[in-house]
Structure formats: C-alpha cells, structure tokens
Full PDB file with SEQRES, HELIX, SHEET, SSBOND, CRYST1, ORIGX, SCALE, CONECT and MASTER records, all heavy atoms in Angstrom:
SEQRES   1 A   34  ASP TYR CYS PRO THR ARG ASN ASP GLU GLN GLU THR GLY          
SEQRES   2 A   34  ARG GLU GLU ILE ILE ARG ARG TYR ARG VAL PHE THR GLU          
SEQRES   3 A   34  ALA LEU ASN LYS VAL ASP PRO GLU                              
HELIX    1 AA1 ARG A   14  VAL A   31  1                                  18    
CRYST1    1.000    1.000    1.000  90.00  90.00  90.00 P 1           1          
ORIGX1      1.000000  0.000000  0.000000        0.00000                         
ORIGX2      0.000000  1.000000  0.000000        0.00000                         
ORIGX3      0.000000  0.000000  1.000000        0.00000                         
SCALE1      1.000000  0.000000  0.000000        0.00000                         
SCALE2      0.000000  1.000000  0.000000        0.00000                         
SCALE3      0.000000  0.000000  1.000000        0.00000                         
ATOM      1  N   ASP A   1      16.123  18.130  -0.355  1.00  0.00           N  
ATOM      2  CA  ASP A   1      15.594  18.581   0.931  1.00  0.00           C  
ATOM      3  C   ASP A   1      15.488  17.423   1.933  1.00  0.00           C  
ATOM      4  O   ASP A   1      14.669  16.506   1.754  1.00  0.00           O  
ATOM      5  CB  ASP A   1      14.209  19.192   0.673  1.00  0.00           C  
ATOM      6  CG  ASP A   1      13.676  19.978   1.849  1.00  0.00           C  
ATOM      7  OD1 ASP A   1      14.393  20.141   2.851  1.00  0.00           O  
ATOM      8  OD2 ASP A   1      12.530  20.456   1.751  1.00  0.00           O  
ATOM      9  N   TYR A   2      16.296  17.493   2.996  1.00  0.00           N  
ATOM     10  CA  TYR A   2      16.301  16.457   4.026  1.00  0.00           C  
ATOM     11  C   TYR A   2      15.090  16.621   4.945  1.00  0.00           C  
ATOM     12  O   TYR A   2      14.859  17.699   5.501  1.00  0.00           O  
ATOM     13  CB  TYR A   2      17.598  16.550   4.827  1.00  0.00           C  
ATOM     14  CG  TYR A   2      17.764  15.485   5.884  1.00  0.00           C  
ATOM     15  CD1 TYR A   2      17.776  14.142   5.535  1.00  0.00           C  
ATOM     16  CD2 TYR A   2      17.912  15.826   7.222  1.00  0.00           C  
ATOM     17  CE1 TYR A   2      17.925  13.157   6.510  1.00  0.00           C  
ATOM     18  CE2 TYR A   2      18.071  14.857   8.199  1.00  0.00           C  
ATOM     19  CZ  TYR A   2      18.073  13.518   7.835  1.00  0.00           C  
ATOM     20  OH  TYR A   2      18.222  12.553   8.804  1.00  0.00           O  
ATOM     21  N   CYS A   3      14.316  15.538   5.104  1.00  0.00           N  
ATOM     22  CA  CYS A   3      13.032  15.603   5.822  1.00  0.00           C  
ATOM     23  C   CYS A   3      12.929  14.491   6.868  1.00  0.00           C  
ATOM     24  O   CYS A   3      12.139  13.541   6.718  1.00  0.00           O  
ATOM     25  CB  CYS A   3      11.879  15.482   4.833  1.00  0.00           C  
ATOM     26  SG  CYS A   3      11.872  16.764   3.581  1.00  0.00           S  
ATOM     27  N   PRO A   4      13.706  14.568   7.946  1.00  0.00           N  
ATOM     28  CA  PRO A   4      13.712  13.488   8.936  1.00  0.00           C  
ATOM     29  C   PRO A   4      12.412  13.345   9.707  1.00  0.00           C  
ATOM     30  O   PRO A   4      12.026  12.224  10.077  1.00  0.00           O  
ATOM     31  CB  PRO A   4      14.871  13.874   9.862  1.00  0.00           C  
ATOM     32  CG  PRO A   4      14.984  15.355   9.734  1.00  0.00           C  
ATOM     33  CD  PRO A   4      14.636  15.651   8.311  1.00  0.00           C  
ATOM     34  N   THR A   5      11.733  14.429   9.997  1.00  0.00           N  
ATOM     35  CA  THR A   5      10.503  14.344  10.785  1.00  0.00           C  
ATOM     36  C   THR A   5       9.437  13.574  10.034  1.00  0.00           C  
ATOM     37  O   THR A   5       8.753  12.703  10.593  1.00  0.00           O  
ATOM     38  CB  THR A   5      10.000  15.755  11.147  1.00  0.00           C  
ATOM     39  OG1 THR A   5      11.036  16.445  11.848  1.00  0.00           O  
ATOM     40  CG2 THR A   5       8.764  15.680  12.022  1.00  0.00           C  
ATOM     41  N   ARG A   6       9.261  13.868   8.743  1.00  0.00           N  
ATOM     42  CA  ARG A   6       8.300  13.146   7.925  1.00  0.00           C  
ATOM     43  C   ARG A   6       8.598  11.662   7.904  1.00  0.00           C  
ATOM     44  O   ARG A   6       7.689  10.822   7.893  1.00  0.00           O  
ATOM     45  CB  ARG A   6       8.331  13.711   6.499  1.00  0.00           C  
ATOM     46  CG  ARG A   6       7.627  12.862   5.448  1.00  0.00           C  
ATOM     47  CD  ARG A   6       6.133  12.833   5.656  1.00  0.00           C  
ATOM     48  NE  ARG A   6       5.543  14.148   5.459  1.00  0.00           N  
ATOM     49  CZ  ARG A   6       4.256  14.413   5.662  1.00  0.00           C  
ATOM     50  NH1 ARG A   6       3.438  13.445   6.088  1.00  0.00           N  
ATOM     51  NH2 ARG A   6       3.782  15.622   5.488  1.00  0.00           N  
ATOM     52  N   ASN A   7       9.864  11.286   7.940  1.00  0.00           N  
ATOM     53  CA  ASN A   7      10.281   9.897   7.792  1.00  0.00           C  
ATOM     54  C   ASN A   7      10.655   9.229   9.115  1.00  0.00           C  
ATOM     55  O   ASN A   7      11.197   8.126   9.118  1.00  0.00           O  
ATOM     56  CB  ASN A   7      11.466   9.832   6.827  1.00  0.00           C  
ATOM     57  CG  ASN A   7      11.080  10.219   5.413  1.00  0.00           C  
ATOM     58  OD1 ASN A   7      10.668   9.383   4.631  1.00  0.00           O  
ATOM     59  ND2 ASN A   7      11.214  11.506   5.084  1.00  0.00           N  
ATOM     60  N   ASP A   8      10.400   9.915  10.226  1.00  0.00           N  
ATOM     61  CA  ASP A   8      10.732   9.392  11.552  1.00  0.00           C  
ATOM     62  C   ASP A   8      12.209   9.003  11.623  1.00  0.00           C  
ATOM     63  O   ASP A   8      12.579   7.935  12.100  1.00  0.00           O  
ATOM     64  CB  ASP A   8       9.842   8.197  11.912  1.00  0.00           C  
ATOM     65  CG  ASP A   8       9.895   7.875  13.403  1.00  0.00           C  
ATOM     66  OD1 ASP A   8      10.245   8.786  14.200  1.00  0.00           O  
ATOM     67  OD2 ASP A   8       9.607   6.726  13.778  1.00  0.00           O  
ATOM     68  N   GLU A   9      13.059   9.915  11.152  1.00  0.00           N  
ATOM     69  CA  GLU A   9      14.502   9.688  11.143  1.00  0.00           C  
ATOM     70  C   GLU A   9      15.243  10.761  11.937  1.00  0.00           C  
ATOM     71  O   GLU A   9      16.388  11.102  11.632  1.00  0.00           O  
ATOM     72  CB  GLU A   9      15.032   9.667   9.698  1.00  0.00           C  
ATOM     73  CG  GLU A   9      14.562   8.466   8.899  1.00  0.00           C  
ATOM     74  CD  GLU A   9      15.232   8.394   7.533  1.00  0.00           C  
ATOM     75  OE1 GLU A   9      15.564   9.459   6.963  1.00  0.00           O  
ATOM     76  OE2 GLU A   9      15.440   7.265   7.042  1.00  0.00           O  
ATOM     77  N   GLN A  10      14.621  11.257  12.972  1.00  0.00           N  
ATOM     78  CA  GLN A  10      15.238  12.336  13.748  1.00  0.00           C  
ATOM     79  C   GLN A  10      16.545  11.924  14.399  1.00  0.00           C  
ATOM     80  O   GLN A  10      17.374  12.773  14.729  1.00  0.00           O  
ATOM     81  CB  GLN A  10      14.274  12.842  14.823  1.00  0.00           C  
ATOM     82  CG  GLN A  10      13.019  13.519  14.271  1.00  0.00           C  
ATOM     83  CD  GLN A  10      11.858  12.560  14.125  1.00  0.00           C  
ATOM     84  OE1 GLN A  10      12.040  11.382  13.836  1.00  0.00           O  
ATOM     85  NE2 GLN A  10      10.643  13.039  14.357  1.00  0.00           N  
ATOM     86  N   GLU A  11      16.749  10.630  14.603  1.00  0.00           N  
ATOM     87  CA  GLU A  11      17.967  10.152  15.260  1.00  0.00           C  
ATOM     88  C   GLU A  11      19.056   9.750  14.270  1.00  0.00           C  
ATOM     89  O   GLU A  11      20.099   9.246  14.675  1.00  0.00           O  
ATOM     90  CB  GLU A  11      17.630   8.961  16.161  1.00  0.00           C  
ATOM     91  CG  GLU A  11      16.576   9.259  17.225  1.00  0.00           C  
ATOM     92  CD  GLU A  11      16.956  10.441  18.100  1.00  0.00           C  
ATOM     93  OE1 GLU A  11      18.144  10.537  18.491  1.00  0.00           O  
ATOM     94  OE2 GLU A  11      16.075  11.279  18.381  1.00  0.00           O  
ATOM     95  N   THR A  12      18.821   9.948  12.993  1.00  0.00           N  
ATOM     96  CA  THR A  12      19.839   9.620  11.999  1.00  0.00           C  
ATOM     97  C   THR A  12      21.098  10.449  12.257  1.00  0.00           C  
ATOM     98  O   THR A  12      21.022  11.658  12.470  1.00  0.00           O  
ATOM     99  CB  THR A  12      19.316   9.893  10.571  1.00  0.00           C  
ATOM    100  OG1 THR A  12      18.159   9.095  10.342  1.00  0.00           O  
ATOM    101  CG2 THR A  12      20.370   9.556   9.529  1.00  0.00           C  
ATOM    102  N   GLY A  13      22.262   9.797  12.229  1.00  0.00           N  
ATOM    103  CA  GLY A  13      23.510  10.448  12.602  1.00  0.00           C  
ATOM    104  C   GLY A  13      24.123  11.286  11.493  1.00  0.00           C  
ATOM    105  O   GLY A  13      23.749  11.191  10.315  1.00  0.00           O  
ATOM    106  N   ARG A  14      25.090  12.086  11.877  1.00  0.00           N  
ATOM    107  CA  ARG A  14      25.767  13.004  10.965  1.00  0.00           C  
ATOM    108  C   ARG A  14      26.349  12.284   9.750  1.00  0.00           C  
ATOM    109  O   ARG A  14      26.154  12.723   8.610  1.00  0.00           O  
ATOM    110  CB  ARG A  14      26.876  13.735  11.733  1.00  0.00           C  
ATOM    111  CG  ARG A  14      27.748  14.664  10.883  1.00  0.00           C  
ATOM    112  CD  ARG A  14      28.876  15.252  11.722  1.00  0.00           C  
ATOM    113  NE  ARG A  14      29.779  16.080  10.931  1.00  0.00           N  
ATOM    114  CZ  ARG A  14      29.647  17.382  10.753  1.00  0.00           C  
ATOM    115  NH1 ARG A  14      28.631  18.014  11.311  1.00  0.00           N  
ATOM    116  NH2 ARG A  14      30.521  18.069  10.036  1.00  0.00           N  
ATOM    117  N   GLU A  15      27.061  11.199   9.968  1.00  0.00           N  
ATOM    118  CA  GLU A  15      27.740  10.515   8.864  1.00  0.00           C  
ATOM    119  C   GLU A  15      26.757   9.962   7.846  1.00  0.00           C  
ATOM    120  O   GLU A  15      27.018  10.003   6.635  1.00  0.00           O  
ATOM    121  CB  GLU A  15      28.648   9.401   9.405  1.00  0.00           C  
ATOM    122  CG  GLU A  15      29.809   9.916  10.235  1.00  0.00           C  
ATOM    123  CD  GLU A  15      30.624  10.969   9.492  1.00  0.00           C  
ATOM    124  OE1 GLU A  15      30.924  10.743   8.300  1.00  0.00           O  
ATOM    125  OE2 GLU A  15      30.954  12.000  10.097  1.00  0.00           O  
ATOM    126  N   GLU A  16      25.617   9.467   8.302  1.00  0.00           N  
ATOM    127  CA  GLU A  16      24.628   8.940   7.376  1.00  0.00           C  
ATOM    128  C   GLU A  16      23.991  10.063   6.560  1.00  0.00           C  
ATOM    129  O   GLU A  16      23.748   9.913   5.352  1.00  0.00           O  
ATOM    130  CB  GLU A  16      23.552   8.166   8.123  1.00  0.00           C  
ATOM    131  CG  GLU A  16      22.351   7.728   7.286  1.00  0.00           C  
ATOM    132  CD  GLU A  16      22.690   6.833   6.112  1.00  0.00           C  
ATOM    133  OE1 GLU A  16      23.814   6.280   6.066  1.00  0.00           O  
ATOM    134  OE2 GLU A  16      21.833   6.675   5.214  1.00  0.00           O  
ATOM    135  N   ILE A  17      23.721  11.186   7.205  1.00  0.00           N  
ATOM    136  CA  ILE A  17      23.156  12.324   6.469  1.00  0.00           C  
ATOM    137  C   ILE A  17      24.121  12.779   5.385  1.00  0.00           C  
ATOM    138  O   ILE A  17      23.732  12.964   4.219  1.00  0.00           O  
ATOM    139  CB  ILE A  17      22.850  13.491   7.430  1.00  0.00           C  
ATOM    140  CG1 ILE A  17      21.747  13.101   8.408  1.00  0.00           C  
ATOM    141  CG2 ILE A  17      22.450  14.742   6.641  1.00  0.00           C  
ATOM    142  CD1 ILE A  17      21.535  14.110   9.531  1.00  0.00           C  
ATOM    143  N   ILE A  18      25.396  12.932   5.740  1.00  0.00           N  
ATOM    144  CA  ILE A  18      26.397  13.371   4.772  1.00  0.00           C  
ATOM    145  C   ILE A  18      26.565  12.328   3.669  1.00  0.00           C  
ATOM    146  O   ILE A  18      26.708  12.670   2.484  1.00  0.00           O  
ATOM    147  CB  ILE A  18      27.736  13.663   5.477  1.00  0.00           C  
ATOM    148  CG1 ILE A  18      27.566  14.836   6.449  1.00  0.00           C  
ATOM    149  CG2 ILE A  18      28.835  13.966   4.461  1.00  0.00           C  
ATOM    150  CD1 ILE A  18      28.768  15.101   7.324  1.00  0.00           C  
ATOM    151  N   ARG A  19      26.526  11.045   4.041  1.00  0.00           N  
ATOM    152  CA  ARG A  19      26.645   9.978   3.034  1.00  0.00           C  
ATOM    153  C   ARG A  19      25.552  10.094   1.979  1.00  0.00           C  
ATOM    154  O   ARG A  19      25.811   9.955   0.775  1.00  0.00           O  
ATOM    155  CB  ARG A  19      26.569   8.606   3.711  1.00  0.00           C  
ATOM    156  CG  ARG A  19      26.796   7.438   2.739  1.00  0.00           C  
ATOM    157  CD  ARG A  19      26.313   6.117   3.299  1.00  0.00           C  
ATOM    158  NE  ARG A  19      24.850   6.069   3.370  1.00  0.00           N  
ATOM    159  CZ  ARG A  19      24.057   5.812   2.322  1.00  0.00           C  
ATOM    160  NH1 ARG A  19      24.587   5.584   1.130  1.00  0.00           N  
ATOM    161  NH2 ARG A  19      22.745   5.773   2.468  1.00  0.00           N  
ATOM    162  N   ARG A  20      24.337  10.364   2.419  1.00  0.00           N  
ATOM    163  CA  ARG A  20      23.226  10.458   1.462  1.00  0.00           C  
ATOM    164  C   ARG A  20      23.437  11.606   0.484  1.00  0.00           C  
ATOM    165  O   ARG A  20      23.156  11.477  -0.719  1.00  0.00           O  
ATOM    166  CB  ARG A  20      21.907  10.636   2.204  1.00  0.00           C  
ATOM    167  CG  ARG A  20      21.505   9.421   3.023  1.00  0.00           C  
ATOM    168  CD  ARG A  20      20.117   9.611   3.626  1.00  0.00           C  
ATOM    169  NE  ARG A  20      19.804   8.562   4.588  1.00  0.00           N  
ATOM    170  CZ  ARG A  20      18.622   8.434   5.183  1.00  0.00           C  
ATOM    171  NH1 ARG A  20      17.638   9.288   4.916  1.00  0.00           N  
ATOM    172  NH2 ARG A  20      18.412   7.459   6.047  1.00  0.00           N  
ATOM    173  N   TYR A  21      23.940  12.733   0.987  1.00  0.00           N  
ATOM    174  CA  TYR A  21      24.207  13.848   0.087  1.00  0.00           C  
ATOM    175  C   TYR A  21      25.383  13.555  -0.841  1.00  0.00           C  
ATOM    176  O   TYR A  21      25.391  13.955  -2.005  1.00  0.00           O  
ATOM    177  CB  TYR A  21      24.443  15.134   0.891  1.00  0.00           C  
ATOM    178  CG  TYR A  21      23.143  15.803   1.263  1.00  0.00           C  
ATOM    179  CD1 TYR A  21      22.594  15.652   2.536  1.00  0.00           C  
ATOM    180  CD2 TYR A  21      22.437  16.559   0.330  1.00  0.00           C  
ATOM    181  CE1 TYR A  21      21.383  16.253   2.874  1.00  0.00           C  
ATOM    182  CE2 TYR A  21      21.236  17.163   0.657  1.00  0.00           C  
ATOM    183  CZ  TYR A  21      20.711  17.008   1.924  1.00  0.00           C  
ATOM    184  OH  TYR A  21      19.515  17.587   2.241  1.00  0.00           O  
ATOM    185  N   ARG A  22      26.360  12.820  -0.341  1.00  0.00           N  
ATOM    186  CA  ARG A  22      27.500  12.460  -1.186  1.00  0.00           C  
ATOM    187  C   ARG A  22      27.062  11.547  -2.332  1.00  0.00           C  
ATOM    188  O   ARG A  22      27.505  11.725  -3.478  1.00  0.00           O  
ATOM    189  CB  ARG A  22      28.588  11.775  -0.355  1.00  0.00           C  
ATOM    190  CG  ARG A  22      29.880  11.526  -1.130  1.00  0.00           C  
ATOM    191  CD  ARG A  22      30.931  10.859  -0.248  1.00  0.00           C  
ATOM    192  NE  ARG A  22      31.222  11.653   0.929  1.00  0.00           N  
ATOM    193  CZ  ARG A  22      32.021  12.699   0.950  1.00  0.00           C  
ATOM    194  NH1 ARG A  22      32.615  13.099  -0.171  1.00  0.00           N  
ATOM    195  NH2 ARG A  22      32.256  13.346   2.062  1.00  0.00           N  
ATOM    196  N   VAL A  23      26.204  10.592  -2.023  1.00  0.00           N  
ATOM    197  CA  VAL A  23      25.704   9.678  -3.061  1.00  0.00           C  
ATOM    198  C   VAL A  23      25.008  10.466  -4.170  1.00  0.00           C  
ATOM    199  O   VAL A  23      25.203  10.212  -5.366  1.00  0.00           O  
ATOM    200  CB  VAL A  23      24.752   8.634  -2.451  1.00  0.00           C  
ATOM    201  CG1 VAL A  23      24.007   7.865  -3.542  1.00  0.00           C  
ATOM    202  CG2 VAL A  23      25.526   7.655  -1.566  1.00  0.00           C  
ATOM    203  N   PHE A  24      24.195  11.430  -3.785  1.00  0.00           N  
ATOM    204  CA  PHE A  24      23.464  12.194  -4.791  1.00  0.00           C  
ATOM    205  C   PHE A  24      24.394  13.119  -5.567  1.00  0.00           C  
ATOM    206  O   PHE A  24      24.237  13.292  -6.783  1.00  0.00           O  
ATOM    207  CB  PHE A  24      22.336  12.996  -4.141  1.00  0.00           C  
ATOM    208  CG  PHE A  24      21.365  13.568  -5.134  1.00  0.00           C  
ATOM    209  CD1 PHE A  24      20.596  12.735  -5.931  1.00  0.00           C  
ATOM    210  CD2 PHE A  24      21.218  14.938  -5.280  1.00  0.00           C  
ATOM    211  CE1 PHE A  24      19.695  13.247  -6.865  1.00  0.00           C  
ATOM    212  CE2 PHE A  24      20.327  15.470  -6.201  1.00  0.00           C  
ATOM    213  CZ  PHE A  24      19.560  14.621  -6.995  1.00  0.00           C  
ATOM    214  N   THR A  25      25.364  13.715  -4.890  1.00  0.00           N  
ATOM    215  CA  THR A  25      26.349  14.541  -5.590  1.00  0.00           C  
ATOM    216  C   THR A  25      27.076  13.733  -6.650  1.00  0.00           C  
ATOM    217  O   THR A  25      27.260  14.183  -7.792  1.00  0.00           O  
ATOM    218  CB  THR A  25      27.368  15.117  -4.593  1.00  0.00           C  
ATOM    219  OG1 THR A  25      26.700  15.986  -3.683  1.00  0.00           O  
ATOM    220  CG2 THR A  25      28.464  15.901  -5.315  1.00  0.00           C  
ATOM    221  N   GLU A  26      27.492  12.533  -6.288  1.00  0.00           N  
ATOM    222  CA  GLU A  26      28.185  11.667  -7.245  1.00  0.00           C  
ATOM    223  C   GLU A  26      27.278  11.290  -8.403  1.00  0.00           C  
ATOM    224  O   GLU A  26      27.721  11.217  -9.563  1.00  0.00           O  
ATOM    225  CB  GLU A  26      28.710  10.420  -6.528  1.00  0.00           C  
ATOM    226  CG  GLU A  26      29.831  10.730  -5.541  1.00  0.00           C  
ATOM    227  CD  GLU A  26      30.233   9.539  -4.692  1.00  0.00           C  
ATOM    228  OE1 GLU A  26      29.546   8.488  -4.780  1.00  0.00           O  
ATOM    229  OE2 GLU A  26      31.225   9.651  -3.952  1.00  0.00           O  
ATOM    230  N   ALA A  27      25.994  11.073  -8.122  1.00  0.00           N  
ATOM    231  CA  ALA A  27      25.043  10.745  -9.185  1.00  0.00           C  
ATOM    232  C   ALA A  27      24.868  11.926 -10.139  1.00  0.00           C  
ATOM    233  O   ALA A  27      24.839  11.748 -11.370  1.00  0.00           O  
ATOM    234  CB  ALA A  27      23.700  10.351  -8.578  1.00  0.00           C  
ATOM    235  N   LEU A  28      24.765  13.135  -9.601  1.00  0.00           N  
ATOM    236  CA  LEU A  28      24.634  14.317 -10.454  1.00  0.00           C  
ATOM    237  C   LEU A  28      25.900  14.537 -11.281  1.00  0.00           C  
ATOM    238  O   LEU A  28      25.822  14.901 -12.457  1.00  0.00           O  
ATOM    239  CB  LEU A  28      24.353  15.559  -9.603  1.00  0.00           C  
ATOM    240  CG  LEU A  28      22.979  15.669  -8.942  1.00  0.00           C  
ATOM    241  CD1 LEU A  28      22.884  16.970  -8.151  1.00  0.00           C  
ATOM    242  CD2 LEU A  28      21.849  15.595  -9.963  1.00  0.00           C  
ATOM    243  N   ASN A  29      27.059  14.333 -10.670  1.00  0.00           N  
ATOM    244  CA  ASN A  29      28.319  14.548 -11.384  1.00  0.00           C  
ATOM    245  C   ASN A  29      28.465  13.608 -12.578  1.00  0.00           C  
ATOM    246  O   ASN A  29      29.099  13.956 -13.573  1.00  0.00           O  
ATOM    247  CB  ASN A  29      29.502  14.375 -10.437  1.00  0.00           C  
ATOM    248  CG  ASN A  29      29.671  15.562  -9.503  1.00  0.00           C  
ATOM    249  OD1 ASN A  29      29.171  16.646  -9.765  1.00  0.00           O  
ATOM    250  ND2 ASN A  29      30.369  15.349  -8.400  1.00  0.00           N  
ATOM    251  N   LYS A  30      27.868  12.437 -12.485  1.00  0.00           N  
ATOM    252  CA  LYS A  30      27.941  11.485 -13.591  1.00  0.00           C  
ATOM    253  C   LYS A  30      27.132  11.951 -14.790  1.00  0.00           C  
ATOM    254  O   LYS A  30      27.513  11.707 -15.944  1.00  0.00           O  
ATOM    255  CB  LYS A  30      27.434  10.107 -13.136  1.00  0.00           C  
ATOM    256  CG  LYS A  30      28.385   9.358 -12.216  1.00  0.00           C  
ATOM    257  CD  LYS A  30      27.797   8.004 -11.840  1.00  0.00           C  
ATOM    258  CE  LYS A  30      28.729   7.245 -10.895  1.00  0.00           C  
ATOM    259  NZ  LYS A  30      28.158   5.935 -10.492  1.00  0.00           N  
ATOM    260  N   VAL A  31      26.006  12.610 -14.531  1.00  0.00           N  
ATOM    261  CA  VAL A  31      25.111  12.973 -15.637  1.00  0.00           C  
ATOM    262  C   VAL A  31      25.265  14.415 -16.085  1.00  0.00           C  
ATOM    263  O   VAL A  31      25.051  14.736 -17.253  1.00  0.00           O  
ATOM    264  CB  VAL A  31      23.638  12.699 -15.259  1.00  0.00           C  
ATOM    265  CG1 VAL A  31      23.420  11.203 -15.047  1.00  0.00           C  
ATOM    266  CG2 VAL A  31      23.206  13.481 -14.028  1.00  0.00           C  
ATOM    267  N   ASP A  32      25.637  15.316 -15.156  1.00  0.00           N  
ATOM    268  CA  ASP A  32      25.787  16.731 -15.499  1.00  0.00           C  
ATOM    269  C   ASP A  32      26.512  17.454 -14.367  1.00  0.00           C  
ATOM    270  O   ASP A  32      25.886  17.943 -13.429  1.00  0.00           O  
ATOM    271  CB  ASP A  32      24.425  17.380 -15.737  1.00  0.00           C  
ATOM    272  CG  ASP A  32      24.539  18.820 -16.235  1.00  0.00           C  
ATOM    273  OD1 ASP A  32      25.667  19.342 -16.297  1.00  0.00           O  
ATOM    274  OD2 ASP A  32      23.499  19.427 -16.561  1.00  0.00           O  
ATOM    275  N   PRO A  33      27.839  17.539 -14.446  1.00  0.00           N  
ATOM    276  CA  PRO A  33      28.614  18.188 -13.368  1.00  0.00           C  
ATOM    277  C   PRO A  33      28.261  19.655 -13.146  1.00  0.00           C  
ATOM    278  O   PRO A  33      28.586  20.205 -12.096  1.00  0.00           O  
ATOM    279  CB  PRO A  33      30.067  18.046 -13.859  1.00  0.00           C  
ATOM    280  CG  PRO A  33      30.045  16.934 -14.841  1.00  0.00           C  
ATOM    281  CD  PRO A  33      28.695  16.996 -15.497  1.00  0.00           C  
ATOM    282  N   GLU A  34      27.612  20.299 -14.117  1.00  0.00           N  
ATOM    283  CA  GLU A  34      27.276  21.709 -13.970  1.00  0.00           C  
ATOM    284  C   GLU A  34      25.913  21.934 -13.330  1.00  0.00           C  
ATOM    285  O   GLU A  34      25.522  23.077 -13.102  1.00  0.00           O  
ATOM    286  CB  GLU A  34      27.324  22.394 -15.339  1.00  0.00           C  
ATOM    287  CG  GLU A  34      28.711  22.410 -15.958  1.00  0.00           C  
ATOM    288  CD  GLU A  34      28.751  23.153 -17.273  1.00  0.00           C  
ATOM    289  OE1 GLU A  34      27.684  23.619 -17.731  1.00  0.00           O  
ATOM    290  OE2 GLU A  34      29.854  23.265 -17.849  1.00  0.00           O  
TER     291      GLU A  34                                                      
MASTER        0    0    0    1    0    0    0    6  290    1    0    3          
END                                                                             
C-alpha cells in the first residue's frame, strides 16, 4: 500500500513509484513466484 501523504512524498514521480513496486515484485519472485 503506497502512502505518500503519511510520508510527505506527494511529489514523488511516476518512475520512482513504479521502481519501488518493481523492487518488491522482484523480491517476491525470488522467494515465492506464486
């Protein structure tokens, strides 16, 4: 769950948001792709 308001990150750009989700997807795929 992305929470920019709580973290004062309302100006975080599209590429950084997508990067964070990509990092976590890759982490999950390493331990359990399902």
